[in-house]
Amino acid sequence: MKNRTWWKRFPRHDRTGKENVISREEYFTLEDLVEIKKRLIGTGFIGGKSVGMLLARNILRKDPTFDWDAQLELHDSFYIGSDIFYSYMVQNGWWKLLMEQKTDEGYFKVARELKEKMLHGVFPDEVKEQFLFMLEYFGQSRLSSVPVHFWKTPSETLCRKI
């Protein structure tokens, strides 16, 4: 029996409220979800790009006309749950600033201040431990292949502090 809580990690509707055309149950098994859970840092949804990557991979693997498993690289990703961002903002006392930045008037006015604060925030110890596990798993050589824009996030702060 599939754990319905985990199916919530894969939204049924897109941002406009339109229902997704592809059935989650058709392309994701319980084993898939267990593997994702093992590599989830924090809690919450995984991002849309991650879901798209996983879905595309599983669609290809179900294609009986080609041996995609022989062509695809082994899957080796970690996922940062959406709750990490919101917890980071709340824990560091910036929620009100974030909400102000989301308004038409505050969008540009508050952005610079919010960015500066975010670069110097603190993650909870439990989240730091999960990030450290991920970094240790990949080792130093793998980090050199991470796109530069990745380090322009709160993770940059974590990596500098570790």
Protein backbone atom coordinates (compact mmCIF):
# COMPACT_ATOMS: atom_id res chain seq x y z
CA MET A 1 0.00 0.00 0.00
CA LYS A 2 1.38 3.40 -0.96
CA ASN A 3 1.88 5.96 1.77
CA ARG A 4 -0.33 8.89 0.77
CA THR A 5 1.85 11.33 2.69
CA TRP A 6 4.69 10.66 0.29
CA TRP A 7 2.53 11.15 -2.77
CA LYS A 8 2.01 14.70 -1.52
CA ARG A 9 5.68 15.34 -2.32
CA PHE A 10 4.61 15.30 -5.97
CA PRO A 11 2.00 18.03 -6.44
CA ARG A 12 -1.21 17.09 -8.25
CA HIS A 13 -1.64 20.63 -9.60
CA ASP A 14 0.72 23.10 -11.17
CA ARG A 15 1.06 26.70 -9.92
CA THR A 16 -1.98 27.84 -11.91
CA GLY A 17 -4.17 25.21 -10.27
CA LYS A 18 -4.39 23.12 -13.43
CA GLU A 19 -4.29 19.40 -12.71
CA ASN A 20 -1.18 17.57 -13.87
CA VAL A 21 -1.84 15.39 -16.89
CA ILE A 22 0.58 12.60 -15.97
CA SER A 23 -0.42 10.30 -13.15
CA ARG A 24 2.13 10.15 -10.35
CA GLU A 25 1.12 6.61 -9.53
CA GLU A 26 1.77 5.53 -13.12
CA TYR A 27 5.46 6.46 -13.06
CA PHE A 28 6.55 6.31 -9.40
CA THR A 29 6.68 3.20 -7.27
CA LEU A 30 6.86 2.93 -3.53
CA GLU A 31 10.53 2.01 -3.95
CA ASP A 32 11.10 5.27 -5.88
CA LEU A 33 9.59 7.23 -3.03
CA VAL A 34 11.67 5.43 -0.41
CA GLU A 35 14.83 6.28 -2.36
CA ILE A 36 13.80 9.93 -2.60
CA LYS A 37 13.08 10.03 1.13
CA LYS A 38 16.56 8.67 1.87
CA ARG A 39 18.06 11.65 0.03
CA LEU A 40 15.67 14.36 1.22
CA ILE A 41 17.28 17.07 3.31
CA GLY A 42 14.70 18.54 5.65
CA THR A 43 11.00 18.24 4.93
CA GLY A 44 8.49 19.51 2.41
CA PHE A 45 8.08 19.26 -1.33
CA ILE A 46 10.99 18.66 -3.65
CA GLY A 47 11.26 21.24 -6.41
CA GLY A 48 9.55 21.12 -9.75
CA LYS A 49 12.81 20.65 -11.64
CA SER A 50 13.63 17.65 -9.46
CA VAL A 51 10.20 16.14 -10.00
CA GLY A 52 10.53 16.76 -13.74
CA MET A 53 13.94 15.11 -13.84
CA LEU A 54 12.69 12.07 -11.94
CA LEU A 55 9.54 11.84 -14.02
CA ALA A 56 11.41 12.12 -17.33
CA ARG A 57 13.79 9.39 -16.23
CA ASN A 58 10.95 7.06 -15.24
CA ILE A 59 9.03 7.73 -18.46
CA LEU A 60 12.11 6.78 -20.48
CA ARG A 61 12.73 3.67 -18.39
CA LYS A 62 9.18 2.45 -19.10
CA ASP A 63 9.71 2.73 -22.86
CA PRO A 64 9.77 -0.89 -24.12
CA THR A 65 11.32 0.07 -27.49
CA PHE A 66 14.74 1.03 -26.11
CA ASP A 67 17.04 -0.07 -23.27
CA TRP A 68 17.30 3.27 -21.48
CA ASP A 69 18.82 1.72 -18.36
CA ALA A 70 21.92 0.89 -20.40
CA GLN A 71 22.22 4.53 -21.53
CA LEU A 72 21.26 6.52 -18.45
CA GLU A 73 23.79 7.33 -15.75
CA LEU A 74 23.06 6.07 -12.27
CA HIS A 75 20.79 8.44 -10.44
CA ASP A 76 22.68 10.21 -7.65
CA SER A 77 20.80 13.29 -6.41
CA PHE A 78 19.89 14.77 -3.07
CA TYR A 79 16.81 16.95 -2.63
CA ILE A 80 16.34 19.96 -0.39
CA GLY A 81 12.79 20.06 0.96
CA SER A 82 10.85 23.29 0.47
CA ASP A 83 10.37 23.68 4.22
CA ILE A 84 14.11 24.34 4.59
CA PHE A 85 13.80 27.75 2.93
CA TYR A 86 10.81 28.83 5.00
CA SER A 87 12.32 27.52 8.23
CA TYR A 88 15.55 29.37 7.42
CA MET A 89 13.64 32.62 6.95
CA VAL A 90 11.61 32.21 10.15
CA GLN A 91 14.49 31.01 12.33
CA ASN A 92 16.63 33.97 11.32
CA GLY A 93 13.80 36.48 11.90
CA TRP A 94 13.29 37.55 8.29
CA TRP A 95 9.75 36.35 7.60
CA LYS A 96 8.23 39.84 7.77
CA LEU A 97 10.97 41.13 5.45
CA LEU A 98 10.31 38.27 3.02
CA MET A 99 6.59 39.06 2.97
CA GLU A 100 7.38 42.74 2.36
CA GLN A 101 9.70 41.78 -0.51
CA LYS A 102 6.87 39.82 -2.14
CA THR A 103 4.76 42.98 -2.58
CA ASP A 104 4.87 45.21 -5.65
CA GLU A 105 6.19 48.12 -3.59
CA GLY A 106 8.82 46.13 -1.71
CA TYR A 107 10.02 43.81 -4.46
CA PHE A 108 13.13 45.81 -5.41
CA LYS A 109 13.26 48.01 -2.32
CA VAL A 110 13.75 45.12 0.12
CA ALA A 111 15.58 42.65 -2.13
CA ARG A 112 19.13 43.89 -1.48
CA GLU A 113 18.68 43.93 2.31
CA LEU A 114 17.09 40.48 2.28
CA LYS A 115 19.88 39.07 0.11
CA GLU A 116 22.56 40.39 2.48
CA LYS A 117 20.82 38.93 5.49
CA MET A 118 20.29 35.56 3.80
CA LEU A 119 24.01 35.23 3.09
CA HIS A 120 24.74 35.38 6.82
CA GLY A 121 21.91 33.31 8.29
CA VAL A 122 22.11 30.14 10.33
CA PHE A 123 20.61 26.73 9.64
CA PRO A 124 19.40 24.47 12.46
CA ASP A 125 22.02 21.91 13.58
CA GLU A 126 19.95 19.02 12.21
CA VAL A 127 19.89 20.58 8.74
CA LYS A 128 23.63 21.34 8.91
CA GLU A 129 24.26 17.67 9.69
CA GLN A 130 22.23 16.62 6.66
CA PHE A 131 24.14 19.07 4.43
CA LEU A 132 27.44 17.76 5.81
CA PHE A 133 26.39 14.18 5.08
CA MET A 134 25.64 15.17 1.48
CA LEU A 135 28.96 17.00 1.10
CA GLU A 136 30.87 14.06 2.57
CA TYR A 137 29.00 11.66 0.29
CA PHE A 138 30.08 13.50 -2.86
CA GLY A 139 33.54 14.48 -1.65
CA GLN A 140 35.51 17.54 -2.71
CA SER A 141 35.95 16.59 -6.37
CA ARG A 142 32.21 16.49 -7.02
CA LEU A 143 31.69 19.99 -5.62
CA SER A 144 33.80 21.50 -8.38
CA SER A 145 31.11 20.43 -10.87
CA VAL A 146 28.31 22.22 -8.99
CA PRO A 147 27.17 25.31 -10.92
CA VAL A 148 28.43 28.62 -9.54
CA HIS A 149 24.89 29.95 -8.98
CA PHE A 150 24.34 27.15 -6.44
CA TRP A 151 26.81 28.86 -4.12
CA LYS A 152 24.90 32.15 -4.26
CA THR A 153 22.24 30.71 -1.93
CA PRO A 154 22.04 30.19 1.84
CA SER A 155 24.05 27.02 1.21
CA GLU A 156 27.05 29.24 0.49
CA THR A 157 26.87 30.45 4.06
CA LEU A 158 26.68 26.90 5.37
CA CYS A 159 29.66 25.74 3.35
CA ARG A 160 31.78 28.70 4.46
CA LYS A 161 30.91 28.08 8.11
CA ILE A 162 31.69 24.37 7.96
